[in-house]
N, C-alpha and C. Protein backbone atom coordinates (compact mmCIF):
# COMPACT_ATOMS: atom_id res chain seq x y z
N MET A 1 -13.03 50.03 8.33
CA MET A 1 -14.23 51.75 8.76
C MET A 1 -13.77 52.10 8.56
N GLU A 2 -14.12 53.32 7.52
CA GLU A 2 -14.29 54.59 7.44
C GLU A 2 -14.00 55.70 7.94
N PRO A 3 -12.89 55.39 8.65
CA PRO A 3 -12.49 57.12 9.48
C PRO A 3 -13.73 58.20 9.96
N MET A 4 -14.88 58.86 9.04
CA MET A 4 -16.01 59.38 8.80
C MET A 4 -17.25 58.62 10.45
N LEU A 5 -17.14 57.47 9.86
CA LEU A 5 -17.65 56.35 9.90
C LEU A 5 -17.57 56.54 11.37
N ILE A 6 -16.72 55.95 12.04
CA ILE A 6 -15.61 55.93 13.36
C ILE A 6 -15.71 57.27 14.32
N VAL A 7 -15.76 58.45 14.03
CA VAL A 7 -15.58 59.71 14.21
C VAL A 7 -17.18 59.47 14.42
N ALA A 8 -18.37 59.75 13.83
CA ALA A 8 -19.34 59.65 14.01
C ALA A 8 -20.33 58.53 14.96
N LEU A 9 -20.76 57.53 14.97
CA LEU A 9 -20.34 56.50 15.35
C LEU A 9 -20.33 56.73 17.36
N THR A 10 -18.45 57.96 17.82
CA THR A 10 -17.65 57.40 18.84
C THR A 10 -18.83 58.63 18.98
N VAL A 11 -18.97 59.56 18.67
CA VAL A 11 -19.80 60.90 19.01
C VAL A 11 -22.07 60.98 18.41
N VAL A 12 -21.93 59.58 18.24
CA VAL A 12 -23.54 58.86 18.74
C VAL A 12 -23.57 58.80 20.07
N ALA A 13 -22.49 57.80 20.37
CA ALA A 13 -22.21 56.86 21.12
C ALA A 13 -22.18 57.75 22.74
N ALA A 14 -21.03 59.36 22.38
CA ALA A 14 -21.17 60.01 23.20
C ALA A 14 -21.93 60.13 23.81
N ALA A 15 -22.97 60.62 22.75
CA ALA A 15 -24.18 61.53 23.30
C ALA A 15 -25.68 60.59 24.17
N ILE A 16 -24.99 59.40 24.11
CA ILE A 16 -26.45 58.57 24.54
C ILE A 16 -25.77 58.35 25.44
N LEU A 17 -24.86 58.62 25.93
CA LEU A 17 -23.64 58.11 27.44
C LEU A 17 -23.76 59.58 28.10
N TRP A 18 -23.92 60.54 27.55
CA TRP A 18 -24.34 61.97 28.11
C TRP A 18 -25.46 61.13 28.60
N ALA A 19 -26.55 61.95 27.97
CA ALA A 19 -27.95 61.52 28.65
C ALA A 19 -28.05 60.36 29.22
N ALA A 20 -27.53 59.32 29.21
CA ALA A 20 -28.11 58.32 30.57
C ALA A 20 -27.88 59.28 31.97
N VAL A 21 -26.00 59.85 31.55
CA VAL A 21 -25.87 60.26 32.88
C VAL A 21 -27.04 61.67 33.64
N GLN A 22 -27.48 62.06 32.48
CA GLN A 22 -27.76 63.24 32.76
C GLN A 22 -29.70 62.43 33.20
N TYR A 23 -30.10 62.64 32.64
CA TYR A 23 -30.70 61.24 33.33
C TYR A 23 -31.25 60.83 34.69
N ALA A 24 -29.68 59.73 35.20
CA ALA A 24 -29.47 58.82 36.06
C ALA A 24 -29.45 60.33 37.16
N LEU A 25 -28.96 61.40 36.95
CA LEU A 25 -28.97 62.69 37.50
C LEU A 25 -30.32 63.37 38.10
N PHE A 26 -30.76 63.41 37.07
CA PHE A 26 -31.76 64.05 37.11
C PHE A 26 -33.04 62.94 38.08
N TYR A 27 -33.14 61.50 38.64
CA TYR A 27 -32.86 60.35 39.55
C TYR A 27 -33.08 60.88 40.31
N ARG A 28 -31.79 61.16 40.36
CA ARG A 28 -31.18 60.67 42.05
C ARG A 28 -30.82 61.91 42.80
N ARG A 29 -31.49 62.87 42.07
CA ARG A 29 -31.83 65.14 42.63
C ARG A 29 -32.99 65.05 42.68
N ASP A 30 -33.96 64.95 41.47
CA ASP A 30 -34.54 66.23 41.37
C ASP A 30 -35.55 65.18 41.33
N HIS A 31 -37.51 66.26 41.10
CA HIS A 31 -38.27 66.32 41.21
C HIS A 31 -39.68 67.07 40.25
N PHE A 32 -40.63 66.55 39.53
CA PHE A 32 -41.30 67.82 39.72
C PHE A 32 -42.62 68.14 40.05
N VAL A 33 -42.94 69.78 40.01
CA VAL A 33 -44.28 69.75 40.69
C VAL A 33 -44.77 70.83 40.17
N CYS A 34 -46.20 69.89 40.53
CA CYS A 34 -47.44 71.38 39.98
C CYS A 34 -47.76 72.09 39.38
N PRO A 35 -47.87 72.70 38.98
CA PRO A 35 -48.35 74.59 39.60
C PRO A 35 -49.62 74.72 40.09
N LYS A 36 -50.87 73.82 39.33
CA LYS A 36 -52.08 73.74 39.31
C LYS A 36 -52.66 72.90 41.20
N CYS A 37 -51.37 72.14 40.97
CA CYS A 37 -52.08 71.04 42.77
C CYS A 37 -51.04 70.86 43.36
N GLY A 38 -50.17 71.42 43.35
CA GLY A 38 -48.53 71.10 43.83
C GLY A 38 -47.99 69.57 44.09
N HIS A 39 -48.56 68.35 43.67
CA HIS A 39 -48.21 66.89 43.50
C HIS A 39 -46.83 67.39 42.88
N CYS A 40 -46.03 66.23 43.82
CA CYS A 40 -44.93 66.36 43.26
C CYS A 40 -44.10 64.49 43.06
N TRP A 41 -43.45 64.98 42.25
CA TRP A 41 -43.61 63.20 41.02
C TRP A 41 -42.20 63.06 40.52
N LYS A 42 -41.84 61.84 39.97
CA LYS A 42 -40.69 61.76 39.01
C LYS A 42 -41.12 61.01 38.31
N PRO A 43 -41.75 61.34 36.79
CA PRO A 43 -41.74 60.77 36.02
C PRO A 43 -41.59 59.98 35.27
N PRO A 44 -42.61 58.45 35.35
CA PRO A 44 -41.47 57.25 33.89
C PRO A 44 -40.01 57.76 33.53
N LEU A 45 -39.16 57.22 32.97
CA LEU A 45 -38.18 57.69 32.01
C LEU A 45 -38.56 57.77 30.15
N ALA A 46 -39.60 56.64 30.58
CA ALA A 46 -40.08 57.05 28.93
C ALA A 46 -41.28 58.02 28.90
N ARG A 47 -41.83 58.29 29.69
CA ARG A 47 -42.29 59.96 29.70
C ARG A 47 -41.05 60.76 29.89
N MET A 48 -39.94 61.50 30.66
CA MET A 48 -38.84 61.79 30.28
C MET A 48 -38.68 62.05 29.02
N ILE A 49 -38.50 61.18 28.52
CA ILE A 49 -37.31 61.03 27.80
C ILE A 49 -38.72 61.29 26.00
N PHE A 50 -39.38 60.92 25.89
CA PHE A 50 -40.12 61.63 24.87
C PHE A 50 -41.09 63.03 25.08
N SER A 51 -41.12 62.99 26.33
CA SER A 51 -41.84 64.13 26.67
C SER A 51 -41.34 65.76 25.49
N VAL A 52 -42.25 67.01 25.76
CA VAL A 52 -41.09 67.65 24.94
C VAL A 52 -40.74 69.65 25.83
N ASN A 53 -39.36 69.30 25.88
CA ASN A 53 -38.48 70.26 26.51
C ASN A 53 -38.35 71.38 25.51
N ALA A 54 -39.04 71.91 27.27
CA ALA A 54 -38.98 73.53 27.44
C ALA A 54 -37.96 74.91 27.89
N VAL A 55 -37.00 75.27 27.97
CA VAL A 55 -35.83 75.95 28.48
C VAL A 55 -35.55 75.25 29.51
N ASN A 56 -36.04 75.48 30.61
CA ASN A 56 -34.99 74.40 31.76
C ASN A 56 -36.11 73.12 32.12
N GLY A 57 -36.86 73.03 31.88
CA GLY A 57 -37.75 71.88 31.61
C GLY A 57 -39.06 71.51 31.34
N LYS A 58 -39.79 70.86 31.34
CA LYS A 58 -40.02 70.21 30.03
C LYS A 58 -42.03 70.43 30.33
N ILE A 59 -42.72 70.32 29.14
CA ILE A 59 -44.01 69.63 29.39
C ILE A 59 -44.44 69.12 29.38
N LEU A 60 -45.13 69.08 31.01
CA LEU A 60 -45.73 67.56 31.19
C LEU A 60 -47.04 67.55 32.00
N ARG A 61 -47.96 66.16 31.88
CA ARG A 61 -49.70 66.41 32.54
C ARG A 61 -49.12 65.58 33.86
N CYS A 62 -49.58 66.28 34.90
CA CYS A 62 -49.82 66.39 36.47
C CYS A 62 -50.74 64.21 36.08
N PRO A 63 -49.61 63.39 37.05
CA PRO A 63 -50.29 62.87 37.28
C PRO A 63 -51.44 62.83 38.40
N ARG A 64 -51.41 63.12 38.97
CA ARG A 64 -52.99 63.99 40.32
C ARG A 64 -53.51 64.30 39.81
N CYS A 65 -53.89 65.61 39.03
CA CYS A 65 -54.67 66.54 37.92
C CYS A 65 -54.76 66.86 36.98
N GLY A 66 -54.31 65.66 36.45
CA GLY A 66 -54.61 65.77 35.32
C GLY A 66 -53.51 67.08 33.75
N SER A 67 -53.98 67.86 34.99
CA SER A 67 -53.67 69.65 34.63
C SER A 67 -51.72 69.55 34.24
N LYS A 68 -51.88 70.55 32.28
CA LYS A 68 -50.39 69.95 31.30
C LYS A 68 -49.72 70.89 31.53
N GLU A 69 -48.38 70.62 31.78
CA GLU A 69 -48.08 72.28 31.79
C GLU A 69 -46.52 72.17 32.33
N TYR A 70 -46.05 73.69 31.70
CA TYR A 70 -44.49 73.26 31.17
C TYR A 70 -44.18 73.44 33.50
N VAL A 71 -43.50 72.35 33.93
CA VAL A 71 -42.53 72.08 34.69
C VAL A 71 -41.01 72.44 35.03
N GLU A 72 -40.15 72.87 35.62
CA GLU A 72 -39.11 72.56 35.71
C GLU A 72 -38.90 72.37 36.97
N PRO A 73 -37.29 71.41 37.06
CA PRO A 73 -36.37 69.83 37.59
C PRO A 73 -36.77 71.11 39.47
N VAL A 74 -37.20 70.63 40.85
CA VAL A 74 -36.67 70.90 41.49
C VAL A 74 -36.09 69.84 42.45
N ARG A 75 -34.98 70.12 43.34
CA ARG A 75 -33.96 69.80 44.57
C ARG A 75 -34.81 68.48 45.12
N ASP A 76 -35.02 67.65 44.99
CA ASP A 76 -35.65 66.92 46.09
C ASP A 76 -34.93 66.80 47.81
N ARG A 77 -36.64 66.79 48.61
CA ARG A 77 -35.57 67.10 49.96
C ARG A 77 -36.53 65.51 50.10
N LYS A 78 -35.98 65.00 51.18
CA LYS A 78 -36.39 63.60 52.29
C LYS A 78 -38.04 63.34 52.18
N LYS A 79 -38.68 64.51 52.40
CA LYS A 79 -40.83 64.58 52.78
C LYS A 79 -41.21 64.95 50.96
N ASP A 80 -40.53 65.63 50.37
CA ASP A 80 -40.50 66.38 48.79
C ASP A 80 -42.04 65.63 48.51
N VAL A 81 -41.30 64.47 48.16
CA VAL A 81 -41.71 63.58 46.25
C VAL A 81 -42.58 62.17 46.93
N SER A 82 -43.55 61.61 46.46
CA SER A 82 -44.58 60.89 46.17
C SER A 82 -44.17 59.81 45.90
């Protein structure tokens, strides 16, 4: 294999691993809160991957009220997430 191809594949593998760790950390400690209705939720992984990133949060649709809003992650407390 060419050295540049090996470097490129290593960089891609590192990026995928980093993203997987970041999503695992999110699901372990964070959730989102709808600014319209106050509903707390953790979106499915596919929704997290394919949603629009914006600054520190994401633009997601609330599963309760259907409002599409910018939401930032909030740290979990035992009674917050439903």
